[in-house]
Amino acid sequence: MIDRQAVQDWLNRYVAAWSSYDRSAIEALFTEDAEYRYHPYDEPVVGNAAIADNWLEEKDEPGSWNANYQPHLVDGDWATAVGTTTYGDGRFYWNMWELTFAPDGRCQRFVEWFMKQP
């Protein structure tokens, strides 16, 4: 079971790992067999090492974006988070993430749903 505060802590670590692109911080967010989807219809990136590799392939420039996420629904080991990401070039995204957590608090399944504001 995970609670709202644990989800918020995980979200804060996610944004910090995204900001730093520190491999160990990225890997620490996910289980060894985690599935990560950028869109619900994507084949997943599988495993925390592969997820870190994937994140490190295309980095956002430091200071070029701002993100704010918070838990929306939390039930057992499952949660959704909602928030926004704003880029300095004017791009603005509304986001919802589906998250399933392992007993140790790492994410086992991540699915991103986002909409770019026109």
N, C-alpha and C. Protein backbone atom coordinates (compact mmCIF):
# COMPACT_ATOMS: atom_id res chain seq x y z
N MET A 1 0.84 -1.19 0.00
CA MET A 1 0.00 0.00 0.00
C MET A 1 0.88 1.25 0.00
N ILE A 2 0.45 2.21 -0.76
CA ILE A 2 1.17 3.48 -0.83
C ILE A 2 0.18 4.59 -0.46
N ASP A 3 0.67 5.65 0.13
CA ASP A 3 -0.21 6.75 0.50
C ASP A 3 0.15 7.99 -0.32
N ARG A 4 -0.68 9.02 -0.18
CA ARG A 4 -0.51 10.25 -0.97
C ARG A 4 0.86 10.87 -0.75
N GLN A 5 1.35 10.88 0.49
CA GLN A 5 2.65 11.50 0.76
C GLN A 5 3.77 10.73 0.07
N ALA A 6 3.68 9.40 0.07
CA ALA A 6 4.70 8.59 -0.60
C ALA A 6 4.68 8.84 -2.11
N VAL A 7 3.50 9.00 -2.67
CA VAL A 7 3.40 9.31 -4.10
C VAL A 7 4.00 10.69 -4.37
N GLN A 8 3.68 11.68 -3.53
CA GLN A 8 4.25 13.01 -3.72
C GLN A 8 5.76 12.98 -3.61
N ASP A 9 6.28 12.24 -2.64
CA ASP A 9 7.74 12.12 -2.51
C ASP A 9 8.35 11.51 -3.77
N TRP A 10 7.70 10.48 -4.32
CA TRP A 10 8.19 9.85 -5.55
C TRP A 10 8.15 10.87 -6.71
N LEU A 11 7.06 11.62 -6.82
CA LEU A 11 6.96 12.63 -7.88
C LEU A 11 8.06 13.69 -7.74
N ASN A 12 8.34 14.10 -6.53
CA ASN A 12 9.41 15.08 -6.32
C ASN A 12 10.76 14.50 -6.73
N ARG A 13 11.00 13.23 -6.43
CA ARG A 13 12.26 12.58 -6.85
C ARG A 13 12.31 12.43 -8.37
N TYR A 14 11.17 12.18 -8.99
CA TYR A 14 11.09 12.07 -10.44
C TYR A 14 11.52 13.39 -11.09
N VAL A 15 10.94 14.50 -10.64
CA VAL A 15 11.28 15.81 -11.20
C VAL A 15 12.76 16.13 -10.95
N ALA A 16 13.26 15.79 -9.76
CA ALA A 16 14.67 16.03 -9.45
C ALA A 16 15.57 15.20 -10.36
N ALA A 17 15.20 13.94 -10.62
CA ALA A 17 16.00 13.09 -11.52
C ALA A 17 15.95 13.62 -12.94
N TRP A 18 14.79 14.10 -13.37
CA TRP A 18 14.64 14.70 -14.69
C TRP A 18 15.51 15.94 -14.79
N SER A 19 15.56 16.73 -13.75
CA SER A 19 16.37 17.95 -13.74
C SER A 19 17.86 17.67 -13.80
N SER A 20 18.29 16.63 -13.10
CA SER A 20 19.72 16.34 -12.98
C SER A 20 20.23 15.37 -14.04
N TYR A 21 19.34 14.54 -14.56
CA TYR A 21 19.72 13.44 -15.46
C TYR A 21 20.81 12.58 -14.82
N ASP A 22 20.73 12.41 -13.52
CA ASP A 22 21.65 11.53 -12.80
C ASP A 22 21.15 10.09 -12.95
N ARG A 23 21.97 9.26 -13.59
CA ARG A 23 21.57 7.88 -13.88
C ARG A 23 21.09 7.14 -12.65
N SER A 24 21.83 7.23 -11.56
CA SER A 24 21.44 6.47 -10.37
C SER A 24 20.12 6.98 -9.79
N ALA A 25 19.86 8.27 -9.89
CA ALA A 25 18.59 8.83 -9.41
C ALA A 25 17.43 8.34 -10.28
N ILE A 26 17.65 8.26 -11.58
CA ILE A 26 16.61 7.75 -12.50
C ILE A 26 16.34 6.28 -12.19
N GLU A 27 17.38 5.49 -12.14
CA GLU A 27 17.21 4.05 -11.89
C GLU A 27 16.54 3.78 -10.55
N ALA A 28 16.83 4.60 -9.54
CA ALA A 28 16.27 4.39 -8.21
C ALA A 28 14.75 4.59 -8.18
N LEU A 29 14.19 5.27 -9.15
CA LEU A 29 12.75 5.49 -9.21
C LEU A 29 11.97 4.24 -9.60
N PHE A 30 12.61 3.33 -10.34
CA PHE A 30 11.91 2.23 -10.99
C PHE A 30 12.49 0.87 -10.59
N THR A 31 11.64 -0.15 -10.66
CA THR A 31 12.10 -1.51 -10.40
C THR A 31 12.90 -2.03 -11.59
N GLU A 32 13.60 -3.11 -11.36
CA GLU A 32 14.42 -3.70 -12.42
C GLU A 32 13.58 -4.18 -13.60
N ASP A 33 12.30 -4.50 -13.36
CA ASP A 33 11.42 -4.97 -14.44
C ASP A 33 10.32 -3.96 -14.77
N ALA A 34 10.51 -2.71 -14.39
CA ALA A 34 9.49 -1.69 -14.61
C ALA A 34 9.16 -1.53 -16.09
N GLU A 35 7.92 -1.16 -16.35
CA GLU A 35 7.46 -0.83 -17.70
C GLU A 35 7.16 0.67 -17.74
N TYR A 36 7.70 1.36 -18.74
CA TYR A 36 7.54 2.81 -18.88
C TYR A 36 7.02 3.10 -20.28
N ARG A 37 5.87 3.75 -20.33
CA ARG A 37 5.27 4.11 -21.61
C ARG A 37 5.10 5.63 -21.67
N TYR A 38 5.58 6.24 -22.75
CA TYR A 38 5.40 7.67 -22.96
C TYR A 38 3.99 7.99 -23.44
N HIS A 39 3.33 7.01 -24.03
CA HIS A 39 1.94 7.10 -24.47
C HIS A 39 1.30 5.76 -24.15
N PRO A 40 0.00 5.73 -23.90
CA PRO A 40 -0.63 4.47 -23.51
C PRO A 40 -0.54 3.38 -24.59
N TYR A 41 -0.37 3.77 -25.84
CA TYR A 41 -0.33 2.81 -26.94
C TYR A 41 1.09 2.36 -27.27
N ASP A 42 2.10 2.92 -26.63
CA ASP A 42 3.50 2.55 -26.90
C ASP A 42 3.86 1.19 -26.33
N GLU A 43 4.79 0.53 -26.99
CA GLU A 43 5.45 -0.61 -26.37
C GLU A 43 6.27 -0.06 -25.21
N PRO A 44 6.33 -0.75 -24.09
CA PRO A 44 7.05 -0.18 -22.96
C PRO A 44 8.56 -0.28 -23.10
N VAL A 45 9.23 0.69 -22.48
CA VAL A 45 10.66 0.57 -22.20
C VAL A 45 10.70 -0.26 -20.92
N VAL A 46 11.48 -1.35 -20.90
CA VAL A 46 11.42 -2.29 -19.78
C VAL A 46 12.73 -2.30 -19.00
N GLY A 47 12.60 -2.08 -17.70
CA GLY A 47 13.73 -2.15 -16.79
C GLY A 47 14.30 -0.79 -16.45
N ASN A 48 14.73 -0.63 -15.20
CA ASN A 48 15.21 0.69 -14.77
C ASN A 48 16.46 1.13 -15.52
N ALA A 49 17.34 0.21 -15.90
CA ALA A 49 18.53 0.60 -16.66
C ALA A 49 18.14 1.09 -18.06
N ALA A 50 17.20 0.40 -18.70
CA ALA A 50 16.74 0.80 -20.03
C ALA A 50 15.99 2.13 -19.97
N ILE A 51 15.24 2.35 -18.90
CA ILE A 51 14.54 3.62 -18.74
C ILE A 51 15.56 4.75 -18.61
N ALA A 52 16.59 4.53 -17.80
CA ALA A 52 17.64 5.56 -17.66
C ALA A 52 18.33 5.81 -18.99
N ASP A 53 18.66 4.75 -19.72
CA ASP A 53 19.27 4.92 -21.05
C ASP A 53 18.38 5.79 -21.93
N ASN A 54 17.08 5.49 -21.91
CA ASN A 54 16.13 6.20 -22.74
C ASN A 54 16.05 7.67 -22.37
N TRP A 55 15.97 7.96 -21.08
CA TRP A 55 15.93 9.35 -20.63
C TRP A 55 17.18 10.09 -21.07
N LEU A 56 18.33 9.43 -21.01
CA LEU A 56 19.59 10.09 -21.29
C LEU A 56 19.84 10.31 -22.78
N GLU A 57 19.04 9.65 -23.64
CA GLU A 57 19.17 9.83 -25.09
C GLU A 57 18.77 11.23 -25.54
N GLU A 58 17.71 11.77 -24.97
CA GLU A 58 17.20 13.09 -25.37
C GLU A 58 16.93 13.90 -24.12
N LYS A 59 17.87 14.76 -23.78
CA LYS A 59 17.75 15.56 -22.56
C LYS A 59 17.14 16.92 -22.86
N ASP A 60 16.30 17.38 -21.94
CA ASP A 60 15.85 18.76 -21.98
C ASP A 60 16.97 19.61 -21.37
N GLU A 61 17.20 20.78 -21.95
CA GLU A 61 18.24 21.67 -21.45
C GLU A 61 17.92 22.10 -20.02
N PRO A 62 18.92 22.12 -19.15
CA PRO A 62 18.68 22.58 -17.78
C PRO A 62 18.08 23.99 -17.77
N GLY A 63 17.06 24.16 -16.94
CA GLY A 63 16.41 25.46 -16.81
C GLY A 63 15.45 25.80 -17.93
N SER A 64 15.25 24.88 -18.90
CA SER A 64 14.38 25.18 -20.05
C SER A 64 12.93 24.78 -19.81
N TRP A 65 12.63 24.23 -18.63
CA TRP A 65 11.28 23.75 -18.36
C TRP A 65 10.99 23.84 -16.86
N ASN A 66 9.72 23.74 -16.55
CA ASN A 66 9.26 23.71 -15.17
C ASN A 66 8.13 22.69 -15.09
N ALA A 67 8.14 21.87 -14.05
CA ALA A 67 7.11 20.85 -13.91
C ALA A 67 6.54 20.87 -12.51
N ASN A 68 5.25 20.58 -12.42
CA ASN A 68 4.57 20.53 -11.14
C ASN A 68 3.57 19.38 -11.19
N TYR A 69 3.76 18.39 -10.33
CA TYR A 69 2.90 17.21 -10.30
C TYR A 69 2.43 16.92 -8.89
N GLN A 70 1.22 16.40 -8.77
CA GLN A 70 0.70 15.99 -7.48
C GLN A 70 -0.17 14.76 -7.63
N PRO A 71 -0.29 13.98 -6.55
CA PRO A 71 -1.16 12.80 -6.61
C PRO A 71 -2.60 13.22 -6.86
N HIS A 72 -3.30 12.41 -7.62
CA HIS A 72 -4.72 12.66 -7.88
C HIS A 72 -5.56 11.59 -7.19
N LEU A 73 -5.34 10.34 -7.56
CA LEU A 73 -6.02 9.21 -6.94
C LEU A 73 -4.96 8.24 -6.43
N VAL A 74 -5.18 7.68 -5.26
CA VAL A 74 -4.28 6.69 -4.69
C VAL A 74 -5.13 5.55 -4.14
N ASP A 75 -4.81 4.32 -4.57
CA ASP A 75 -5.58 3.15 -4.13
C ASP A 75 -4.67 1.94 -4.09
N GLY A 76 -4.31 1.48 -2.92
CA GLY A 76 -3.44 0.31 -2.79
C GLY A 76 -2.06 0.61 -3.31
N ASP A 77 -1.67 -0.10 -4.38
CA ASP A 77 -0.34 0.12 -4.98
C ASP A 77 -0.43 0.95 -6.26
N TRP A 78 -1.61 1.49 -6.53
CA TRP A 78 -1.87 2.21 -7.77
C TRP A 78 -2.18 3.67 -7.48
N ALA A 79 -1.72 4.56 -8.37
CA ALA A 79 -2.00 5.99 -8.22
C ALA A 79 -2.05 6.65 -9.59
N THR A 80 -2.71 7.77 -9.62
CA THR A 80 -2.59 8.67 -10.76
C THR A 80 -2.03 9.97 -10.23
N ALA A 81 -1.30 10.65 -11.08
CA ALA A 81 -0.76 11.97 -10.76
C ALA A 81 -1.15 12.91 -11.88
N VAL A 82 -1.37 14.15 -11.55
CA VAL A 82 -1.70 15.16 -12.55
C VAL A 82 -0.76 16.34 -12.37
N GLY A 83 -0.58 17.05 -13.45
CA GLY A 83 0.28 18.23 -13.37
C GLY A 83 0.53 18.84 -14.73
N THR A 84 1.45 19.78 -14.73
CA THR A 84 1.77 20.49 -15.95
C THR A 84 3.29 20.57 -16.13
N THR A 85 3.67 20.67 -17.39
CA THR A 85 5.06 20.95 -17.74
C THR A 85 5.04 22.14 -18.69
N THR A 86 5.86 23.13 -18.37
CA THR A 86 5.95 24.34 -19.16
C THR A 86 7.39 24.51 -19.63
N TYR A 87 7.55 24.74 -20.92
CA TYR A 87 8.88 24.96 -21.50
C TYR A 87 9.06 26.44 -21.80
N GLY A 88 10.29 26.90 -21.74
CA GLY A 88 10.61 28.30 -21.99
C GLY A 88 10.25 28.78 -23.37
N ASP A 89 10.10 27.86 -24.33
CA ASP A 89 9.76 28.24 -25.70
C ASP A 89 8.25 28.37 -25.90
N GLY A 90 7.47 28.26 -24.80
CA GLY A 90 6.03 28.44 -24.89
C GLY A 90 5.21 27.17 -24.90
N ARG A 91 5.85 26.02 -25.03
CA ARG A 91 5.09 24.76 -24.99
C ARG A 91 4.54 24.54 -23.58
N PHE A 92 3.30 24.07 -23.51
CA PHE A 92 2.63 23.83 -22.24
C PHE A 92 1.88 22.51 -22.36
N TYR A 93 2.11 21.60 -21.42
CA TYR A 93 1.49 20.28 -21.44
C TYR A 93 0.70 20.03 -20.17
N TRP A 94 -0.50 19.50 -20.34
CA TRP A 94 -1.30 18.96 -19.24
C TRP A 94 -1.00 17.47 -19.19
N ASN A 95 -0.71 16.94 -18.02
CA ASN A 95 -0.29 15.55 -17.91
C ASN A 95 -1.10 14.78 -16.88
N MET A 96 -1.28 13.49 -17.17
CA MET A 96 -1.78 12.54 -16.19
C MET A 96 -0.90 11.30 -16.31
N TRP A 97 -0.46 10.79 -15.19
CA TRP A 97 0.36 9.59 -15.18
C TRP A 97 -0.36 8.50 -14.40
N GLU A 98 -0.34 7.28 -14.92
CA GLU A 98 -0.78 6.09 -14.19
C GLU A 98 0.46 5.45 -13.60
N LEU A 99 0.44 5.16 -12.33
CA LEU A 99 1.60 4.64 -11.62
C LEU A 99 1.21 3.41 -10.81
N THR A 100 1.97 2.35 -10.93
CA THR A 100 1.81 1.18 -10.07
C THR A 100 3.12 1.01 -9.33
N PHE A 101 3.03 0.86 -8.01
CA PHE A 101 4.21 0.82 -7.16
C PHE A 101 4.47 -0.57 -6.59
N ALA A 102 5.75 -0.90 -6.47
CA ALA A 102 6.20 -2.11 -5.78
C ALA A 102 6.13 -1.85 -4.28
N PRO A 103 6.17 -2.91 -3.47
CA PRO A 103 6.14 -2.72 -2.01
C PRO A 103 7.26 -1.81 -1.48
N ASP A 104 8.39 -1.73 -2.17
CA ASP A 104 9.50 -0.89 -1.69
C ASP A 104 9.36 0.58 -2.11
N GLY A 105 8.25 0.94 -2.79
CA GLY A 105 8.00 2.33 -3.17
C GLY A 105 8.51 2.73 -4.53
N ARG A 106 9.21 1.81 -5.22
CA ARG A 106 9.64 2.12 -6.58
C ARG A 106 8.49 1.85 -7.54
N CYS A 107 8.51 2.52 -8.68
CA CYS A 107 7.46 2.38 -9.67
C CYS A 107 7.70 1.13 -10.52
N GLN A 108 6.65 0.31 -10.69
CA GLN A 108 6.71 -0.88 -11.54
C GLN A 108 6.11 -0.64 -12.91
N ARG A 109 5.16 0.28 -12.98
CA ARG A 109 4.47 0.55 -14.24
C ARG A 109 4.16 2.03 -14.30
N PHE A 110 4.57 2.67 -15.41
CA PHE A 110 4.37 4.10 -15.62
C PHE A 110 3.76 4.28 -17.00
N VAL A 111 2.63 4.96 -17.06
CA VAL A 111 1.99 5.28 -18.33
C VAL A 111 1.69 6.78 -18.33
N GLU A 112 2.17 7.45 -19.36
CA GLU A 112 1.97 8.90 -19.46
C GLU A 112 0.84 9.20 -20.44
N TRP A 113 -0.04 10.08 -20.03
CA TRP A 113 -1.09 10.64 -20.88
C TRP A 113 -0.87 12.14 -20.85
N PHE A 114 -0.68 12.77 -21.99
CA PHE A 114 -0.47 14.22 -21.97
C PHE A 114 -1.16 14.87 -23.16
N MET A 115 -1.45 16.13 -22.97
CA MET A 115 -2.05 16.93 -24.03
C MET A 115 -1.29 18.24 -24.12
N LYS A 116 -0.89 18.57 -25.32
CA LYS A 116 -0.22 19.85 -25.57
C LYS A 116 -1.29 20.91 -25.73
N GLN A 117 -1.14 22.00 -24.99
CA GLN A 117 -2.10 23.09 -25.10
C GLN A 117 -1.89 23.81 -26.44
N PRO A 118 -2.97 23.97 -27.20
CA PRO A 118 -2.81 24.67 -28.50
C PRO A 118 -2.46 26.13 -28.33
